[in-house]
Amino acid sequence: MRSQKVDQRAARVIHRAMILNELRRHGPLSRTQLAQRTQLSTAAVSFVTADLIAEALLVERSQQASRGRAVPLDVNYAGHFAVGLKVMETRLEAVLTDLSLRTLAGTTVEYADHTPQSVTAAAARATDDLLAQAGLGRGRLGGVGLGLAGNIDPRSGLCMSSFRLGWRNVPITALISEATGVPVWADNDVNAFATAERLMGRGKHARDFLVVTVGRGIGSGLVLGGELYRGGRGGAGELGHLLSEPGGRLCECGKRGCLEAYASEPSLAQRLAESGVGLHGPADFAALVADGDPRALALVAEAGERLGRALAQAANLLDPELIIVGGEGVRLGEPLFAPMRGALYAHLHAPEPRRLPLLVEPWGDDAWACGAAGLVVEQFFGDREQGPPARAAPPALAGPM
């Protein structure tokens, strides 16, 4: 009897996900249409949708129905909310979104250092601020999503390593959950962005695609078979640390010749500064590119070619349906994208290489944090009973790596 109850509960979870994801991908559908698309019985669809309506996850779009026609159902994107946090070296960028990842409020909290304790305090402050801005209580908040650079175990919520933050084995989700009183999920920031693209972005209808971010670093997220692929130890997608130049420039990871050492925005600014040009950082470099400075344009063209070759290697291995490019580096525009596309298609092993779409995602200041909010939204559309990482007592925190 107990086994039968477990089976029924598991089937219900799967059926919920099937219905929610059909509506997420295809918009309002009647119960009859849902039964046809999911191959579920009409009774099962009616039972599950009644629960979802009661939970404010579905809504009837009665205004779209005419006399004698079935009432369509749709996802109630405004029924629940998510907080997304992007951890950076000097500040925390935060947003409040609905389930469509539409930004409702935003804030930035700065800190003097990026110790786990400082980041936790900033996360609690940001969450309170966002809820106050929107006039919401915690009852409709699904949780907090956290995106940061590094190797993250999303099941335990442990930041196993982040050389940019100097963290090792930090139980960051447990710390922030204790401080905010809500569930917290964490992942590598690029994986979080890829999750948001899979749920609500340009990868919504694709099962196999590659997300690439260019900016402070070079990263990628792999969506294979409709699911984010993390690899055997959670480190899949380190595109920026593919070898681009044997024995080349020193990368921040400590190795030489990584793609990131040649194509990230800080590396481009540093290389131009080494030639005698006075710069205060990547924003100054981007301004020189926009002004048509020949030295800056030459470096960007080289970076685009290196990126294109790396993308071709990844595409030859994985055969994605599309590639999505985002990150702060998109502000460099066609001086970067034109050589990137040229190198990609020149080295792509395919009969018609230009049929692989390379899509550039417009980038806003809140894009990373919105991606992190996608980690919360994913819980509403998942097909597993996946709760937040356990609130275990945090172990002693390691110091800088």
Protein backbone atom coordinates (compact mmCIF):
# COMPACT_ATOMS: atom_id res chain seq x y z
CA MET A 1 0.00 0.00 0.00
CA ARG A 2 2.83 2.39 0.90
CA SER A 3 4.55 1.65 -2.43
CA GLN A 4 1.33 2.42 -4.28
CA LYS A 5 1.04 5.79 -2.51
CA VAL A 6 4.64 6.62 -3.39
CA ASP A 7 4.01 5.70 -7.03
CA GLN A 8 0.89 7.86 -7.12
CA ARG A 9 2.75 10.79 -5.59
CA ALA A 10 5.60 10.43 -8.09
CA ALA A 11 3.14 10.24 -11.00
CA ARG A 12 1.39 13.37 -9.75
CA VAL A 13 4.69 15.29 -9.64
CA ILE A 14 5.49 14.21 -13.21
CA HIS A 15 2.00 15.11 -14.45
CA ARG A 16 2.21 18.55 -12.83
CA ALA A 17 5.50 19.23 -14.58
CA MET A 18 4.16 18.01 -17.93
CA ILE A 19 1.16 20.34 -17.76
CA LEU A 20 3.07 23.37 -16.49
CA ASN A 21 5.77 22.99 -19.12
CA GLU A 22 3.29 22.58 -21.99
CA LEU A 23 1.70 25.85 -20.95
CA ARG A 24 5.09 27.52 -20.41
CA ARG A 25 6.23 26.63 -23.93
CA HIS A 26 2.99 26.99 -25.88
CA GLY A 27 0.78 29.45 -24.01
CA PRO A 28 -2.91 29.09 -23.05
CA LEU A 29 -4.42 25.66 -23.76
CA SER A 30 -7.72 24.05 -22.86
CA ARG A 31 -7.90 20.97 -20.67
CA THR A 32 -8.78 18.91 -23.76
CA GLN A 33 -5.74 20.24 -25.60
CA LEU A 34 -3.54 19.49 -22.60
CA ALA A 35 -4.82 15.91 -22.51
CA GLN A 36 -4.03 15.50 -26.20
CA ARG A 37 -0.55 17.01 -25.94
CA THR A 38 0.51 15.19 -22.76
CA GLN A 39 -1.29 11.87 -23.51
CA LEU A 40 -2.86 12.05 -20.05
CA SER A 41 -6.48 11.16 -19.43
CA THR A 42 -8.94 14.03 -19.19
CA ALA A 43 -9.64 12.97 -15.61
CA ALA A 44 -5.94 13.20 -14.71
CA VAL A 45 -5.65 16.61 -16.36
CA SER A 46 -8.72 17.89 -14.51
CA PHE A 47 -7.42 16.57 -11.19
CA VAL A 48 -3.93 18.06 -11.56
CA THR A 49 -5.08 21.41 -12.96
CA ALA A 50 -7.55 21.84 -10.11
CA ASP A 51 -4.66 21.51 -7.67
CA LEU A 52 -2.52 23.93 -9.67
CA ILE A 53 -5.29 26.53 -9.75
CA ALA A 54 -5.73 26.19 -5.98
CA GLU A 55 -1.98 26.77 -5.57
CA ALA A 56 -2.14 29.92 -7.75
CA LEU A 57 0.13 28.31 -10.35
CA LEU A 58 -2.54 28.23 -13.07
CA VAL A 59 -5.27 30.67 -14.01
CA GLU A 60 -8.28 30.40 -16.30
CA ARG A 61 -8.23 32.86 -19.19
CA SER A 62 -12.02 33.11 -19.46
CA GLN A 63 -11.87 36.36 -21.41
CA GLN A 64 -10.29 34.44 -24.32
CA ALA A 65 -13.13 31.95 -24.57
CA SER A 66 -16.23 32.46 -26.65
CA ARG A 67 -19.62 30.86 -26.02
CA GLY A 68 -19.50 27.08 -26.32
CA ARG A 69 -15.70 26.85 -26.28
CA ALA A 70 -13.48 25.46 -23.54
CA VAL A 71 -11.82 27.89 -21.16
CA PRO A 72 -8.05 28.03 -21.73
CA LEU A 73 -5.61 27.62 -18.87
CA ASP A 74 -2.33 29.47 -18.53
CA VAL A 75 0.56 29.71 -16.09
CA ASN A 76 -0.15 32.30 -13.42
CA TYR A 77 3.21 34.01 -13.67
CA ALA A 78 2.18 36.68 -11.15
CA GLY A 79 1.13 34.14 -8.53
CA HIS A 80 4.59 33.59 -7.05
CA PHE A 81 7.89 35.43 -6.95
CA ALA A 82 11.63 34.84 -6.84
CA VAL A 83 14.68 36.75 -5.63
CA GLY A 84 17.82 36.49 -7.74
CA LEU A 85 21.25 37.41 -6.37
CA LYS A 86 24.50 37.78 -8.29
CA VAL A 87 27.59 37.70 -6.05
CA MET A 88 30.47 39.91 -7.20
CA GLU A 89 33.75 40.89 -5.56
CA THR A 90 32.56 44.27 -4.28
CA ARG A 91 28.76 44.10 -4.41
CA LEU A 92 25.63 42.03 -4.60
CA GLU A 93 23.20 42.70 -7.44
CA ALA A 94 19.63 41.63 -6.64
CA VAL A 95 16.23 41.49 -8.35
CA LEU A 96 12.71 40.41 -7.54
CA THR A 97 10.92 38.70 -10.45
CA ASP A 98 7.69 36.90 -11.16
CA LEU A 99 7.67 33.38 -12.63
CA SER A 100 8.24 34.77 -16.14
CA LEU A 101 11.49 36.33 -14.84
CA ARG A 102 10.09 39.81 -15.41
CA THR A 103 11.92 42.21 -13.09
CA LEU A 104 9.64 43.86 -10.53
CA ALA A 105 12.27 45.47 -8.28
CA GLY A 106 16.04 45.73 -8.09
CA THR A 107 18.75 46.80 -5.69
CA THR A 108 22.52 46.71 -5.21
CA VAL A 109 24.25 46.13 -1.87
CA GLU A 110 27.94 46.91 -1.58
CA TYR A 111 30.34 45.36 0.94
CA ALA A 112 33.86 46.07 2.11
CA ASP A 113 34.89 42.45 1.66
CA HIS A 114 33.33 39.36 0.07
CA THR A 115 33.61 36.94 2.98
CA PRO A 116 30.69 34.50 3.28
CA GLN A 117 29.46 36.43 6.32
CA SER A 118 29.42 39.75 4.43
CA VAL A 119 27.65 38.22 1.44
CA THR A 120 25.08 36.56 3.72
CA ALA A 121 24.31 39.85 5.46
CA ALA A 122 24.01 41.60 2.09
CA ALA A 123 21.65 38.88 0.81
CA ALA A 124 19.34 39.28 3.82
CA ARG A 125 19.33 43.06 3.42
CA ALA A 126 18.66 42.85 -0.33
CA THR A 127 15.78 40.40 0.14
CA ASP A 128 14.11 42.65 2.71
CA ASP A 129 14.60 45.70 0.48
CA LEU A 130 13.12 44.00 -2.60
CA LEU A 131 10.04 42.76 -0.76
CA ALA A 132 9.50 46.21 0.72
CA GLN A 133 9.80 47.85 -2.71
CA ALA A 134 7.15 45.49 -4.10
CA GLY A 135 4.93 45.59 -1.01
CA LEU A 136 5.09 41.79 -0.64
CA GLY A 137 5.41 39.44 2.30
CA ARG A 138 7.41 36.22 2.28
CA GLY A 139 4.32 34.06 1.79
CA ARG A 140 4.40 34.36 -2.02
CA LEU A 141 8.19 34.25 -2.29
CA GLY A 142 9.31 30.90 -3.72
CA GLY A 143 12.86 31.41 -2.53
CA VAL A 144 16.21 32.94 -3.37
CA GLY A 145 18.46 31.99 -6.26
CA LEU A 146 22.19 32.66 -6.01
CA GLY A 147 24.60 32.89 -8.94
CA LEU A 148 28.35 33.20 -8.47
CA ALA A 149 31.56 32.37 -10.28
CA GLY A 150 33.00 29.04 -9.23
CA ASN A 151 32.30 25.35 -8.87
CA ILE A 152 28.97 24.92 -7.07
CA ASP A 153 27.20 21.75 -5.94
CA PRO A 154 23.53 22.67 -6.49
CA ARG A 155 22.28 19.65 -4.50
CA SER A 156 24.10 20.52 -1.27
CA GLY A 157 24.31 24.27 -1.85
CA LEU A 158 28.05 24.13 -1.26
CA CYS A 159 30.45 26.46 -3.03
CA MET A 160 33.24 23.96 -3.48
CA SER A 161 35.66 26.50 -4.91
CA SER A 162 35.68 30.05 -6.26
CA PHE A 163 39.12 31.45 -6.95
CA ARG A 164 37.56 34.85 -7.73
CA LEU A 165 36.02 35.06 -4.23
CA GLY A 166 38.66 33.03 -2.43
CA TRP A 167 36.06 30.54 -1.16
CA ARG A 168 36.41 26.82 -0.63
CA ASN A 169 33.72 24.49 0.77
CA VAL A 170 31.41 27.31 1.84
CA PRO A 171 27.79 26.22 2.67
CA ILE A 172 26.43 29.41 1.20
CA THR A 173 22.79 28.33 0.69
CA ALA A 174 22.50 27.19 4.32
CA LEU A 175 23.89 30.51 5.52
CA ILE A 176 21.57 32.65 3.39
CA SER A 177 18.53 30.47 4.07
CA GLU A 178 19.10 30.86 7.80
CA ALA A 179 19.41 34.63 7.39
CA THR A 180 16.39 35.12 5.09
CA GLY A 181 14.02 32.41 6.32
CA VAL A 182 13.29 31.12 2.80
CA PRO A 183 14.66 28.28 0.63
CA VAL A 184 17.85 29.09 -1.29
CA TRP A 185 19.31 27.49 -4.41
CA ALA A 186 22.76 28.24 -5.83
CA ASP A 187 24.67 27.48 -9.00
CA ASN A 188 27.50 28.76 -11.12
CA ASP A 189 26.38 32.12 -12.54
CA VAL A 190 26.59 30.96 -16.17
CA ASN A 191 24.62 27.79 -15.38
CA ALA A 192 21.98 29.98 -13.73
CA PHE A 193 21.80 32.17 -16.84
CA ALA A 194 21.51 29.06 -19.03
CA THR A 195 18.68 27.80 -16.81
CA ALA A 196 16.80 31.07 -17.30
CA GLU A 197 17.32 30.85 -21.07
CA ARG A 198 15.99 27.26 -21.03
CA LEU A 199 12.89 28.21 -19.08
CA MET A 200 11.88 31.61 -20.43
CA GLY A 201 14.43 32.73 -23.00
CA ARG A 202 15.58 31.90 -26.49
CA GLY A 203 16.25 28.28 -25.60
CA LYS A 204 12.64 27.74 -24.52
CA HIS A 205 11.80 25.47 -27.47
CA ALA A 206 15.24 23.83 -27.90
CA ARG A 207 16.48 20.64 -26.29
CA ASP A 208 20.18 21.04 -27.07
CA PHE A 209 21.87 24.42 -27.01
CA LEU A 210 24.96 26.23 -25.78
CA VAL A 211 24.99 29.46 -23.78
CA VAL A 212 28.21 31.51 -23.82
CA THR A 213 28.95 34.56 -21.71
CA VAL A 214 31.68 37.08 -22.48
CA GLY A 215 32.66 39.73 -19.96
CA ARG A 216 34.54 39.52 -16.65
CA GLY A 217 35.33 35.97 -17.74
CA ILE A 218 34.40 33.53 -20.49
CA GLY A 219 31.85 30.90 -19.49
CA SER A 220 29.36 28.50 -20.99
CA GLY A 221 26.31 26.54 -19.97
CA LEU A 222 25.34 23.31 -21.72
CA VAL A 223 21.70 22.30 -22.10
CA LEU A 224 21.52 18.74 -23.44
CA GLY A 225 18.32 16.77 -23.81
CA GLY A 226 16.40 19.65 -22.25
CA GLU A 227 18.43 19.57 -19.02
CA LEU A 228 21.42 21.53 -17.81
CA TYR A 229 24.52 19.35 -18.07
CA ARG A 230 26.95 19.85 -15.18
CA GLY A 231 29.37 16.98 -15.75
CA GLY A 232 30.71 14.36 -13.36
CA ARG A 233 32.00 16.85 -10.75
CA GLY A 234 29.88 19.90 -11.58
CA GLY A 235 32.56 21.63 -13.63
CA ALA A 236 31.18 21.28 -17.18
CA GLY A 237 31.17 24.33 -19.43
CA GLU A 238 34.53 25.92 -18.61
CA LEU A 239 34.92 27.28 -22.12
CA GLY A 240 37.15 30.10 -20.92
CA HIS A 241 39.77 27.64 -19.76
CA LEU A 242 40.13 25.78 -23.02
CA LEU A 243 43.70 26.08 -24.26
CA SER A 244 43.92 28.88 -26.82
CA GLU A 245 47.67 29.58 -26.87
CA PRO A 246 50.15 26.91 -25.59
CA GLY A 247 52.49 28.54 -23.08
CA GLY A 248 50.65 31.84 -23.51
CA ARG A 249 49.48 34.57 -21.20
CA LEU A 250 48.83 33.86 -17.53
CA CYS A 251 45.14 33.35 -16.71
CA GLU A 252 43.61 34.26 -13.34
CA CYS A 253 43.10 30.52 -12.75
CA GLY A 254 46.90 30.15 -12.56
CA LYS A 255 47.40 28.34 -15.87
CA ARG A 256 48.78 29.76 -19.11
CA GLY A 257 47.20 30.17 -22.52
CA CYS A 258 43.51 29.95 -21.52
CA LEU A 259 40.96 31.51 -23.86
CA GLU A 260 39.91 33.80 -21.01
CA ALA A 261 43.41 35.31 -20.88
CA TYR A 262 42.89 36.58 -24.45
CA ALA A 263 39.15 37.23 -24.87
CA SER A 264 37.68 38.42 -21.55
CA GLU A 265 37.10 42.16 -21.16
CA PRO A 266 39.71 42.61 -18.37
CA SER A 267 42.34 40.76 -20.40
CA LEU A 268 41.64 42.92 -23.46
CA ALA A 269 41.92 46.10 -21.38
CA GLN A 270 45.13 44.86 -19.78
CA ARG A 271 46.72 44.02 -23.13
CA LEU A 272 45.92 47.48 -24.48
CA ALA A 273 47.26 49.11 -21.30
CA GLU A 274 50.50 47.14 -21.72
CA SER A 275 50.96 48.88 -25.09
CA GLY A 276 51.00 52.25 -23.34
CA VAL A 277 47.34 53.29 -23.54
CA GLY A 278 46.00 54.74 -20.29
CA LEU A 279 42.88 52.82 -19.19
CA HIS A 280 40.86 52.56 -16.00
CA GLY A 281 39.18 49.27 -16.91
CA PRO A 282 36.94 47.39 -19.37
CA ALA A 283 34.47 50.29 -19.73
CA ASP A 284 37.25 52.51 -21.07
CA PHE A 285 38.29 49.76 -23.47
CA ALA A 286 34.71 49.39 -24.74
CA ALA A 287 34.56 53.15 -25.30
CA LEU A 288 37.72 53.00 -27.44
CA VAL A 289 36.19 50.19 -29.51
CA ALA A 290 33.05 52.26 -30.04
CA ASP A 291 35.24 55.22 -31.11
CA GLY A 292 37.04 53.04 -33.68
CA ASP A 293 40.48 53.01 -32.04
CA PRO A 294 42.58 50.77 -34.36
CA ARG A 295 44.60 49.12 -31.56
CA ALA A 296 41.47 48.25 -29.59
CA LEU A 297 39.71 46.99 -32.73
CA ALA A 298 42.65 44.72 -33.59
CA LEU A 299 42.57 43.13 -30.14
CA VAL A 300 38.78 42.63 -30.33
CA ALA A 301 39.05 41.03 -33.77
CA GLU A 302 41.66 38.59 -32.46
CA ALA A 303 39.48 37.81 -29.45
CA GLY A 304 36.48 37.21 -31.72
CA GLU A 305 38.46 34.76 -33.84
CA ARG A 306 39.66 32.87 -30.76
CA LEU A 307 36.10 32.71 -29.42
CA GLY A 308 34.76 31.52 -32.77
CA ARG A 309 37.32 28.72 -32.96
CA ALA A 310 36.46 27.62 -29.41
CA LEU A 311 32.74 27.66 -30.22
CA ALA A 312 33.37 25.56 -33.32
CA GLN A 313 35.19 22.96 -31.21
CA ALA A 314 32.31 22.84 -28.75
CA ALA A 315 29.71 22.69 -31.54
CA ASN A 316 31.60 19.94 -33.38
CA LEU A 317 31.56 17.90 -30.19
CA LEU A 318 27.96 18.57 -29.05
CA ASP A 319 26.00 19.46 -32.23
CA PRO A 320 23.73 22.06 -30.56
CA GLU A 321 20.57 23.44 -32.14
CA LEU A 322 21.66 27.00 -31.40
CA ILE A 323 24.27 29.09 -29.56
CA ILE A 324 23.23 32.02 -27.36
CA VAL A 325 25.84 34.68 -26.50
CA GLY A 326 25.41 37.06 -23.57
CA GLY A 327 27.42 38.89 -20.94
CA GLU A 328 28.76 42.40 -20.54
CA GLY A 329 31.05 41.84 -23.53
CA VAL A 330 28.14 42.08 -25.97
CA ARG A 331 28.62 45.85 -25.76
CA LEU A 332 31.68 45.39 -27.99
CA GLY A 333 29.24 44.70 -30.84
CA GLU A 334 30.09 43.70 -34.39
CA PRO A 335 33.86 44.24 -34.03
CA LEU A 336 33.67 41.13 -31.81
CA PHE A 337 30.74 39.26 -33.37
CA ALA A 338 31.77 39.46 -37.01
CA PRO A 339 35.12 37.65 -36.56
CA MET A 340 33.47 35.31 -34.05
CA ARG A 341 30.85 34.22 -36.58
CA GLY A 342 33.45 33.96 -39.33
CA ALA A 343 35.72 31.67 -37.29
CA LEU A 344 32.79 29.60 -36.03
CA TYR A 345 31.44 28.85 -39.48
CA ALA A 346 34.91 28.38 -40.98
CA HIS A 347 35.78 25.64 -38.47
CA LEU A 348 32.34 24.07 -37.98
CA HIS A 349 32.15 20.51 -39.29
CA ALA A 350 28.69 20.56 -40.91
CA PRO A 351 27.33 20.45 -44.49
CA GLU A 352 25.68 23.86 -44.02
CA PRO A 353 27.49 25.50 -41.09
CA ARG A 354 25.59 28.79 -41.29
CA ARG A 355 22.36 26.99 -40.43
CA LEU A 356 23.55 26.92 -36.81
CA PRO A 357 22.01 30.09 -35.29
CA LEU A 358 24.34 32.30 -33.25
CA LEU A 359 22.03 34.56 -31.23
CA VAL A 360 23.22 37.58 -29.27
CA GLU A 361 21.24 38.27 -26.09
CA PRO A 362 20.73 41.98 -25.30
CA TRP A 363 22.39 42.55 -21.93
CA GLY A 364 21.11 44.68 -19.06
CA ASP A 365 22.49 45.44 -15.63
CA ASP A 366 20.08 42.95 -14.04
CA ALA A 367 20.73 40.05 -16.43
CA TRP A 368 22.96 38.01 -14.09
CA ALA A 369 20.57 38.41 -11.16
CA CYS A 370 17.57 37.48 -13.34
CA GLY A 371 19.44 34.34 -14.31
CA ALA A 372 19.88 33.51 -10.64
CA ALA A 373 16.13 33.98 -10.09
CA GLY A 374 15.68 31.27 -12.71
CA LEU A 375 17.04 28.76 -10.17
CA VAL A 376 13.93 29.41 -8.07
CA VAL A 377 11.52 29.45 -11.02
CA GLU A 378 12.96 26.09 -12.11
CA GLN A 379 11.59 24.51 -8.93
CA PHE A 380 8.02 25.33 -10.01
CA PHE A 381 8.47 23.65 -13.42
CA GLY A 382 10.69 20.72 -12.42
CA ASP A 383 9.65 17.10 -12.77
CA ARG A 384 11.29 15.96 -9.54
CA GLU A 385 10.44 16.52 -5.89
CA GLN A 386 13.62 18.52 -5.44
CA GLY A 387 13.61 20.53 -2.26
CA PRO A 388 16.17 23.16 -1.36
CA PRO A 389 19.59 22.15 -0.04
CA ALA A 390 19.38 21.02 3.56
CA ARG A 391 19.81 23.61 6.28
CA ALA A 392 22.56 21.60 7.91
CA ALA A 393 24.71 23.25 10.54
CA PRO A 394 27.44 24.96 8.52
CA PRO A 395 30.95 23.59 8.92
CA ALA A 396 33.88 25.83 9.75
CA LEU A 397 34.50 28.22 6.89
CA ALA A 398 37.78 28.00 5.05
CA GLY A 399 39.85 31.11 4.53
CA PRO A 400 41.17 32.43 1.23
CA MET A 401 42.33 29.83 -1.23
